[in-house]
Amino acid sequence: MQYRNDKHGEPISLLGFGCMRFTTNMGAIDIDKAEKEILEAYNAGVNYFDTAYMYSGSEAALGTIFKRNNMREKVKIATKLPQYLVKTSAAIDRYFNEELSRLQTDYIDYYFMHFLTDLAAWENLKKLGILEWIEEKKKSGAIRNIGFSFHGSTEIFLKILNDYDWDICLVQYNYLDEFAQAGRRGVEEAHKKGIPVLIMEPLRGGKLVDLLPETAKKMIKENPRGWSAAEWSFRWLFNQEAVTCVLSGMNSIQMIQENCRVASEAKAGDFTKEDFEFIDKIKNEINAKLKVNCTACRYCLPCPKNVDIPAIFRCYNEMYSEGKMSGRFEFAQTVGLRKQNAMASQCINCGKCETHCPQKIPIRQELKKADKALRPWYYKIGIAVAKAFILKK
């Protein structure tokens, strides 16, 4: 494993463990499986583990695993203040203390203001006394480093970046989002200021692997580099000195071993002119097929009517990357046959989802298109019949 330093010279593993997507069993995190995976990553050199208040069960699972294995002093924990829930000054402490309890620790290595999308959210926190609160927590040692996670425009990112003496930042960044959200400009500006940049969505919710167009998959398979789709994505990021750590939501031993291998081999500046040209060709193939720019981050959920927005968009995109039959069959299996209706037909146009979407997708509009494409009349009948048969008592 390779390491790049934080603002204070502390080493952070080039690959970080994103803890939002642990495997669940009957709605609860499979903690024994998660423990094996975390230990596999740790033994391979991963020392950075990223969670958040809103990642259901994640903080508590990490706290339990680290305590079981006497690991707290050997790892770096990152978690986040759910600023979108904060209405009073007292709430800041309440959420923070709850997180400490869940994580079974008395300090956080990296504490982020979660999901800043505009300057107004940060200004609101300042009105509630967040600057004084941060100063007190850092002085007491309860917080070692303070940062923010961001989904918004490059311009807003730069305003927030320059408004405070941050220790770290977390942004969505990958070769398809090179000029979206914080983008390359934001990443490089943070680096110039000496602020470590952590990366989320390196595979864009799996789109840069599983949902690549068949033409792109064929191109990757035939490329003399011999790298997998995921490896191309990670190496593109590791190639940049401005990138401190790339988070991956790893949920299999094989995935962990493969990602750790790449993070041990890849060097900044390794990419050749031909490599960059190849990435551009892959981007062109993806952009020609993609219908909805959804990363499956799930910030749009929960829907008051239980519509599974990310799953619907994933299947909709799959219709055009893998084929109509494939996307529709996947939809029927993963959405259509649920006991509780999660289809787009449940949407009541409340718009709540759109206020939380980092990608600014017109979700209500796209759901109608997706539903029409995924459920032609014969699929509606087929799903209804299959559901009645499978779910009958």
Protein backbone atom coordinates (compact mmCIF):
# COMPACT_ATOMS: atom_id res chain seq x y z
CA MET A 1 0.00 0.00 0.00
CA GLN A 2 1.16 3.51 -0.79
CA TYR A 3 0.43 6.55 1.35
CA ARG A 4 0.02 10.27 0.79
CA ASN A 5 0.15 12.69 3.69
CA ASP A 6 -2.63 14.77 5.18
CA LYS A 7 -2.20 18.47 5.98
CA HIS A 8 -0.27 17.69 9.16
CA GLY A 9 2.05 15.05 7.71
CA GLU A 10 0.05 12.02 8.83
CA PRO A 11 0.03 9.19 6.24
CA ILE A 12 -3.30 8.26 4.66
CA SER A 13 -3.53 5.09 2.59
CA LEU A 14 -3.97 5.79 -1.11
CA LEU A 15 -7.02 3.53 -0.98
CA GLY A 16 -9.66 4.20 1.65
CA PHE A 17 -12.53 1.98 2.76
CA GLY A 18 -15.92 3.56 2.03
CA CYS A 19 -18.37 2.15 4.54
CA MET A 20 -21.71 3.18 3.02
CA ARG A 21 -22.38 -0.08 1.21
CA PHE A 22 -21.71 -2.90 3.66
CA THR A 23 -23.54 -6.13 2.82
CA THR A 24 -26.88 -6.38 4.64
CA ASN A 25 -28.91 -9.38 5.71
CA MET A 26 -32.61 -8.89 6.42
CA GLY A 27 -32.04 -5.15 6.52
CA ALA A 28 -29.16 -5.26 9.02
CA ILE A 29 -25.44 -5.07 8.28
CA ASP A 30 -23.80 -8.49 8.15
CA ILE A 31 -21.20 -7.53 10.73
CA ASP A 32 -19.20 -10.76 10.56
CA LYS A 33 -18.76 -10.39 6.80
CA ALA A 34 -17.94 -6.68 7.20
CA GLU A 35 -15.35 -7.56 9.86
CA LYS A 36 -13.56 -10.00 7.56
CA GLU A 37 -13.47 -7.41 4.81
CA ILE A 38 -12.23 -4.61 7.04
CA LEU A 39 -9.49 -6.82 8.46
CA GLU A 40 -8.48 -7.90 4.95
CA ALA A 41 -8.16 -4.25 3.93
CA TYR A 42 -6.36 -3.26 7.12
CA ASN A 43 -3.83 -6.09 6.79
CA ALA A 44 -3.17 -4.93 3.22
CA GLY A 45 -2.34 -1.45 4.50
CA VAL A 46 -5.65 0.46 4.37
CA ASN A 47 -5.80 2.80 7.35
CA TYR A 48 -8.64 5.18 6.38
CA PHE A 49 -12.28 4.20 7.02
CA ASP A 50 -15.07 6.53 5.96
CA THR A 51 -18.60 6.49 7.35
CA ALA A 52 -21.40 8.97 8.15
CA TYR A 53 -24.30 9.53 10.51
CA MET A 54 -26.77 8.77 7.72
CA TYR A 55 -25.15 5.49 6.58
CA SER A 56 -27.59 3.18 8.29
CA GLY A 57 -25.82 0.99 10.85
CA SER A 58 -22.36 1.80 9.49
CA GLU A 59 -20.94 3.79 12.41
CA ALA A 60 -22.12 1.22 14.95
CA ALA A 61 -20.70 -1.64 12.89
CA LEU A 62 -17.31 0.06 12.64
CA GLY A 63 -17.27 0.81 16.34
CA THR A 64 -17.96 -2.82 17.17
CA ILE A 65 -15.39 -4.18 14.73
CA PHE A 66 -12.62 -1.83 15.83
CA LYS A 67 -13.28 -2.59 19.50
CA ARG A 68 -13.36 -6.36 18.92
CA ASN A 69 -9.97 -6.20 17.26
CA ASN A 70 -8.35 -3.51 19.42
CA MET A 71 -7.83 -1.36 16.31
CA ARG A 72 -8.94 2.13 17.27
CA GLU A 73 -5.47 3.61 17.64
CA LYS A 74 -4.27 1.89 14.48
CA VAL A 75 -6.84 3.35 12.06
CA LYS A 76 -8.16 6.72 10.98
CA ILE A 77 -11.92 7.19 11.28
CA ALA A 78 -13.79 9.70 9.16
CA THR A 79 -17.43 10.50 9.78
CA LYS A 80 -19.77 13.39 9.08
CA LEU A 81 -22.09 15.91 10.68
CA PRO A 82 -25.55 15.65 9.08
CA GLN A 83 -25.74 19.42 8.65
CA TYR A 84 -29.00 19.11 6.68
CA LEU A 85 -30.67 17.91 9.91
CA VAL A 86 -29.14 20.58 12.13
CA LYS A 87 -31.61 23.29 13.14
CA THR A 88 -30.12 24.48 16.44
CA SER A 89 -26.69 24.87 18.03
CA ALA A 90 -27.52 22.14 20.53
CA ALA A 91 -28.18 19.70 17.70
CA ILE A 92 -24.55 19.89 16.58
CA ASP A 93 -23.34 18.46 19.87
CA ARG A 94 -26.18 15.98 20.01
CA TYR A 95 -25.33 14.41 16.65
CA PHE A 96 -21.59 14.46 17.34
CA ASN A 97 -21.95 12.76 20.71
CA GLU A 98 -24.23 10.14 19.22
CA GLU A 99 -21.59 9.42 16.60
CA LEU A 100 -18.87 9.06 19.24
CA SER A 101 -21.11 6.60 21.06
CA ARG A 102 -21.83 4.57 17.94
CA LEU A 103 -18.14 4.44 17.03
CA GLN A 104 -17.13 3.64 20.63
CA THR A 105 -14.43 6.29 20.62
CA ASP A 106 -13.71 9.66 22.22
CA TYR A 107 -12.24 11.33 19.13
CA ILE A 108 -12.70 11.50 15.36
CA ASP A 109 -9.69 11.72 13.08
CA TYR A 110 -11.49 13.46 10.20
CA TYR A 111 -14.85 15.13 10.73
CA PHE A 112 -16.73 16.44 7.70
CA MET A 113 -19.59 18.84 7.22
CA HIS A 114 -21.67 16.40 5.20
CA PHE A 115 -23.20 17.08 1.79
CA LEU A 116 -22.57 20.77 1.28
CA THR A 117 -24.12 21.74 -2.05
CA ASP A 118 -24.21 25.51 -1.75
CA LEU A 119 -22.75 28.32 0.30
CA ALA A 120 -26.04 28.86 2.15
CA ALA A 121 -25.73 25.57 4.04
CA TRP A 122 -22.25 26.52 5.28
CA GLU A 123 -23.40 30.06 6.16
CA ASN A 124 -26.27 28.59 8.17
CA LEU A 125 -23.85 26.44 10.16
CA LYS A 126 -21.75 29.50 10.89
CA LYS A 127 -24.82 31.31 12.22
CA LEU A 128 -25.35 28.38 14.58
CA GLY A 129 -21.82 28.75 15.94
CA ILE A 130 -20.04 25.98 14.05
CA LEU A 131 -16.72 27.86 13.91
CA GLU A 132 -16.56 28.21 17.69
CA TRP A 133 -17.72 24.62 18.08
CA ILE A 134 -14.98 23.32 15.77
CA GLU A 135 -12.34 25.35 17.61
CA GLU A 136 -13.44 23.91 20.95
CA LYS A 137 -13.52 20.32 19.66
CA LYS A 138 -10.11 20.59 18.04
CA LYS A 139 -8.66 22.15 21.18
CA SER A 140 -10.03 19.30 23.33
CA GLY A 141 -8.80 16.67 20.88
CA ALA A 142 -12.27 15.33 20.13
CA ILE A 143 -11.71 16.24 16.47
CA ARG A 144 -8.26 15.96 14.91
CA ASN A 145 -9.08 17.34 11.42
CA ILE A 146 -12.08 19.22 10.04
CA GLY A 147 -13.35 19.07 6.47
CA PHE A 148 -16.38 19.10 4.22
CA SER A 149 -17.90 16.74 1.68
CA PHE A 150 -19.23 18.39 -1.42
CA HIS A 151 -21.80 18.00 -4.20
CA GLY A 152 -22.34 21.15 -6.22
CA SER A 153 -20.72 23.40 -8.80
CA THR A 154 -17.02 24.17 -9.12
CA GLU A 155 -17.65 27.83 -8.32
CA ILE A 156 -19.45 27.05 -5.06
CA PHE A 157 -16.79 24.51 -4.12
CA LEU A 158 -14.10 27.16 -4.46
CA LYS A 159 -16.09 29.63 -2.34
CA ILE A 160 -16.47 27.12 0.49
CA LEU A 161 -12.86 25.98 0.10
CA ASN A 162 -11.60 29.55 0.50
CA ASP A 163 -13.97 30.52 3.32
CA TYR A 164 -12.27 28.54 6.08
CA ASP A 165 -8.93 26.99 6.98
CA TRP A 166 -9.97 23.41 6.19
CA ASP A 167 -7.84 20.39 6.96
CA ILE A 168 -9.36 18.12 4.29
CA CYS A 169 -12.14 17.83 1.71
CA LEU A 170 -14.13 15.03 0.07
CA VAL A 171 -15.46 15.30 -3.48
CA GLN A 172 -17.05 13.19 -6.20
CA TYR A 173 -14.47 12.78 -8.94
CA ASN A 174 -13.76 10.26 -11.67
CA TYR A 175 -12.82 10.36 -15.35
CA LEU A 176 -16.45 10.85 -16.37
CA ASP A 177 -16.89 13.72 -13.87
CA GLU A 178 -13.61 15.41 -14.67
CA PHE A 179 -15.33 18.73 -15.28
CA ALA A 180 -18.48 18.25 -13.15
CA GLN A 181 -19.07 19.20 -9.49
CA ALA A 182 -15.75 20.23 -7.88
CA GLY A 183 -14.02 18.86 -10.95
CA ARG A 184 -10.35 18.89 -11.84
CA ARG A 185 -10.17 22.63 -11.19
CA GLY A 186 -11.50 22.25 -7.66
CA VAL A 187 -9.26 19.27 -6.89
CA GLU A 188 -6.17 21.08 -8.08
CA GLU A 189 -7.05 24.32 -6.26
CA ALA A 190 -7.43 22.41 -2.99
CA HIS A 191 -4.07 20.73 -3.60
CA LYS A 192 -2.42 24.12 -4.21
CA LYS A 193 -3.71 25.27 -0.82
CA GLY A 194 -2.21 22.18 0.83
CA ILE A 195 -5.63 20.68 1.54
CA PRO A 196 -5.78 16.88 1.06
CA VAL A 197 -8.46 15.75 -1.39
CA LEU A 198 -10.35 12.54 -0.82
CA ILE A 199 -12.37 11.02 -3.64
CA MET A 200 -15.81 9.40 -3.53
CA GLU A 201 -17.63 7.69 -6.42
CA PRO A 202 -14.42 6.68 -8.25
CA LEU A 203 -16.46 4.13 -10.22
CA ARG A 204 -19.53 6.38 -10.40
CA GLY A 205 -21.76 3.98 -8.51
CA GLY A 206 -20.49 1.04 -10.57
CA LYS A 207 -21.25 2.65 -13.92
CA LEU A 208 -17.60 2.65 -14.90
CA VAL A 209 -17.51 -1.12 -14.43
CA ASP A 210 -20.73 -3.10 -14.59
CA LEU A 211 -22.80 -0.72 -16.69
CA LEU A 212 -20.23 0.18 -19.31
CA PRO A 213 -21.49 -0.17 -22.89
CA GLU A 214 -20.49 -3.46 -24.50
CA THR A 215 -18.33 -1.54 -26.96
CA ALA A 216 -16.37 0.00 -24.07
CA LYS A 217 -15.99 -3.36 -22.33
CA LYS A 218 -14.60 -4.84 -25.56
CA MET A 219 -12.15 -1.95 -25.92
CA ILE A 220 -10.89 -2.45 -22.35
CA LYS A 221 -10.54 -6.19 -22.83
CA GLU A 222 -8.49 -5.69 -25.98
CA ASN A 223 -6.26 -2.92 -24.62
CA PRO A 224 -2.63 -4.11 -24.29
CA ARG A 225 -2.42 -2.71 -20.75
CA GLY A 226 -4.49 -5.64 -19.54
CA TRP A 227 -6.21 -3.52 -16.89
CA SER A 228 -9.79 -4.11 -15.81
CA ALA A 229 -12.42 -1.37 -16.07
CA ALA A 230 -12.09 -0.67 -12.34
CA GLU A 231 -8.31 -0.56 -12.57
CA TRP A 232 -8.46 2.05 -15.35
CA SER A 233 -10.69 4.20 -13.13
CA PHE A 234 -8.47 3.90 -10.08
CA ARG A 235 -5.23 4.42 -11.98
CA TRP A 236 -6.65 7.56 -13.63
CA LEU A 237 -7.15 8.97 -10.11
CA PHE A 238 -3.93 7.64 -8.58
CA ASN A 239 -2.07 9.23 -11.52
CA GLN A 240 -2.88 12.68 -10.05
CA GLU A 241 -0.70 14.05 -7.25
CA ALA A 242 -3.62 16.20 -6.09
CA VAL A 243 -5.55 13.07 -5.09
CA THR A 244 -4.72 12.01 -1.54
CA CYS A 245 -7.00 9.01 -1.08
CA VAL A 246 -9.66 7.25 -3.14
CA LEU A 247 -12.60 5.70 -1.30
CA SER A 248 -14.02 2.41 -2.46
CA GLY A 249 -17.16 0.74 -1.12
CA MET A 250 -15.61 -2.71 -1.11
CA ASN A 251 -17.81 -5.64 -0.15
CA SER A 252 -15.88 -8.72 -1.21
CA ILE A 253 -12.42 -10.07 -0.37
CA GLN A 254 -11.59 -10.34 -4.07
CA MET A 255 -12.46 -6.68 -4.65
CA ILE A 256 -10.35 -5.61 -1.68
CA GLN A 257 -7.34 -7.61 -2.81
CA GLU A 258 -7.57 -6.28 -6.36
CA ASN A 259 -8.00 -2.63 -5.31
CA CYS A 260 -5.16 -2.89 -2.79
CA ARG A 261 -2.90 -4.35 -5.47
CA VAL A 262 -3.59 -1.40 -7.76
CA ALA A 263 -3.08 1.08 -4.90
CA SER A 264 0.28 -0.54 -4.24
CA GLU A 265 1.44 -0.38 -7.87
CA ALA A 266 0.06 2.83 -9.41
CA LYS A 267 2.23 5.94 -9.36
CA ALA A 268 1.45 9.59 -9.98
CA GLY A 269 2.49 10.54 -13.49
CA ASP A 270 2.40 6.97 -14.82
CA PHE A 271 -0.25 7.64 -17.46
CA THR A 272 0.99 7.97 -21.03
CA LYS A 273 -0.48 10.06 -23.85
CA GLU A 274 -1.99 6.85 -25.20
CA ASP A 275 -3.62 6.10 -21.83
CA PHE A 276 -5.32 9.50 -21.74
CA GLU A 277 -6.49 9.09 -25.33
CA PHE A 278 -7.93 5.68 -24.45
CA ILE A 279 -9.87 7.12 -21.51
CA ASP A 280 -11.31 9.76 -23.83
CA LYS A 281 -12.52 7.02 -26.18
CA ILE A 282 -14.19 5.18 -23.30
CA LYS A 283 -15.88 8.41 -22.18
CA ASN A 284 -17.26 8.93 -25.66
CA GLU A 285 -18.74 5.43 -25.66
CA ILE A 286 -20.33 5.95 -22.25
CA ASN A 287 -21.80 9.35 -23.03
CA ALA A 288 -23.34 7.99 -26.20
CA LYS A 289 -25.32 5.41 -24.19
CA LEU A 290 -26.08 6.96 -20.79
CA LYS A 291 -29.69 8.00 -20.24
CA VAL A 292 -29.65 9.26 -16.64
CA ASN A 293 -26.62 10.62 -14.81
CA CYS A 294 -27.37 8.73 -11.56
CA THR A 295 -24.50 7.47 -9.36
CA ALA A 296 -26.72 5.44 -7.00
CA CYS A 297 -25.58 7.52 -4.02
CA ARG A 298 -29.14 7.15 -2.62
CA TYR A 299 -29.34 10.67 -1.24
CA CYS A 300 -32.74 10.91 -2.96
CA LEU A 301 -34.09 8.30 -0.54
CA PRO A 302 -36.21 7.54 1.38
CA CYS A 303 -39.06 8.33 -0.97
CA PRO A 304 -42.35 8.93 0.89
CA LYS A 305 -43.98 6.45 -1.51
CA ASN A 306 -41.11 3.93 -1.42
CA VAL A 307 -40.02 4.49 -5.04
CA ASP A 308 -36.53 2.98 -5.44
CA ILE A 309 -35.18 5.76 -7.66
CA PRO A 310 -31.54 4.56 -8.02
CA ALA A 311 -32.62 0.99 -8.88
CA ILE A 312 -35.04 2.22 -11.53
CA PHE A 313 -32.44 4.48 -13.14
CA ARG A 314 -29.84 1.70 -13.02
CA CYS A 315 -32.15 -0.63 -14.93
CA TYR A 316 -33.11 2.16 -17.33
CA ASN A 317 -29.46 2.83 -18.14
CA GLU A 318 -28.83 -0.90 -18.47
CA MET A 319 -31.43 -1.04 -21.24
CA TYR A 320 -29.11 1.12 -23.33
CA SER A 321 -25.75 -0.22 -22.17
CA GLU A 322 -26.60 -3.92 -22.03
CA GLY A 323 -29.77 -4.19 -24.10
CA LYS A 324 -33.50 -3.65 -23.60
CA MET A 325 -34.21 -7.23 -22.54
CA SER A 326 -31.42 -7.14 -19.97
CA GLY A 327 -32.56 -3.88 -18.40
CA ARG A 328 -36.21 -4.87 -18.28
CA PHE A 329 -35.46 -8.31 -16.84
CA GLU A 330 -33.23 -6.73 -14.19
CA PHE A 331 -36.02 -4.29 -13.36
CA ALA A 332 -38.60 -7.07 -13.06
CA GLN A 333 -36.34 -9.03 -10.71
CA THR A 334 -35.00 -6.25 -8.51
CA VAL A 335 -37.89 -3.78 -8.42
CA GLY A 336 -41.04 -5.24 -9.94
CA LEU A 337 -41.32 -8.32 -7.75
CA ARG A 338 -40.96 -6.60 -4.40
CA LYS A 339 -43.77 -7.13 -1.94
CA GLN A 340 -43.93 -3.38 -1.25
CA ASN A 341 -44.39 -1.50 -4.50
CA ALA A 342 -41.22 0.45 -5.34
CA MET A 343 -42.04 1.34 -8.95
CA ALA A 344 -42.13 4.80 -10.46
CA SER A 345 -45.91 4.59 -10.79
CA GLN A 346 -46.01 5.30 -7.03
CA CYS A 347 -44.49 8.77 -7.51
CA ILE A 348 -46.72 11.63 -6.34
CA ASN A 349 -44.51 14.39 -7.80
CA CYS A 350 -43.66 15.84 -4.38
CA GLY A 351 -40.13 16.71 -5.58
CA LYS A 352 -38.44 15.87 -2.27
CA CYS A 353 -35.92 13.65 -4.04
CA GLU A 354 -34.76 16.42 -6.36
CA THR A 355 -33.80 18.71 -3.47
CA HIS A 356 -31.25 16.11 -2.30
CA CYS A 357 -29.84 14.91 -5.63
CA PRO A 358 -26.11 15.79 -5.97
CA GLN A 359 -26.33 15.34 -9.75
CA LYS A 360 -29.28 17.76 -10.06
CA ILE A 361 -31.25 15.19 -12.04
CA PRO A 362 -34.86 16.16 -12.89
CA ILE A 363 -35.91 12.94 -11.17
CA ARG A 364 -39.67 13.21 -11.59
CA GLN A 365 -39.36 13.81 -15.31
CA GLU A 366 -36.82 11.02 -15.81
CA LEU A 367 -38.83 8.55 -13.70
CA LYS A 368 -41.75 8.89 -16.13
CA LYS A 369 -39.47 8.18 -19.07
CA ALA A 370 -37.84 5.25 -17.28
CA ASP A 371 -41.16 3.73 -16.27
CA LYS A 372 -42.48 3.94 -19.82
CA ALA A 373 -39.35 2.28 -21.19
CA LEU A 374 -39.04 -0.39 -18.50
CA ARG A 375 -42.70 -1.38 -18.35
CA PRO A 376 -44.31 -1.81 -21.76
CA TRP A 377 -47.83 -3.24 -21.44
CA TYR A 378 -46.72 -6.86 -21.69
CA TYR A 379 -44.15 -6.36 -18.91
CA LYS A 380 -46.83 -4.83 -16.69
CA ILE A 381 -48.92 -7.98 -17.16
CA GLY A 382 -45.95 -10.31 -16.75
CA ILE A 383 -44.74 -8.63 -13.57
CA ALA A 384 -48.23 -8.62 -12.07
CA VAL A 385 -48.73 -12.33 -12.80
CA ALA A 386 -45.26 -13.29 -11.53
CA LYS A 387 -45.69 -11.20 -8.41
CA ALA A 388 -49.08 -12.74 -7.63
CA PHE A 389 -47.60 -16.24 -8.03
CA ILE A 390 -44.38 -15.64 -6.09
CA LEU A 391 -45.92 -13.69 -3.23
CA LYS A 392 -49.07 -15.75 -2.77
CA LYS A 393 -49.44 -17.14 0.71
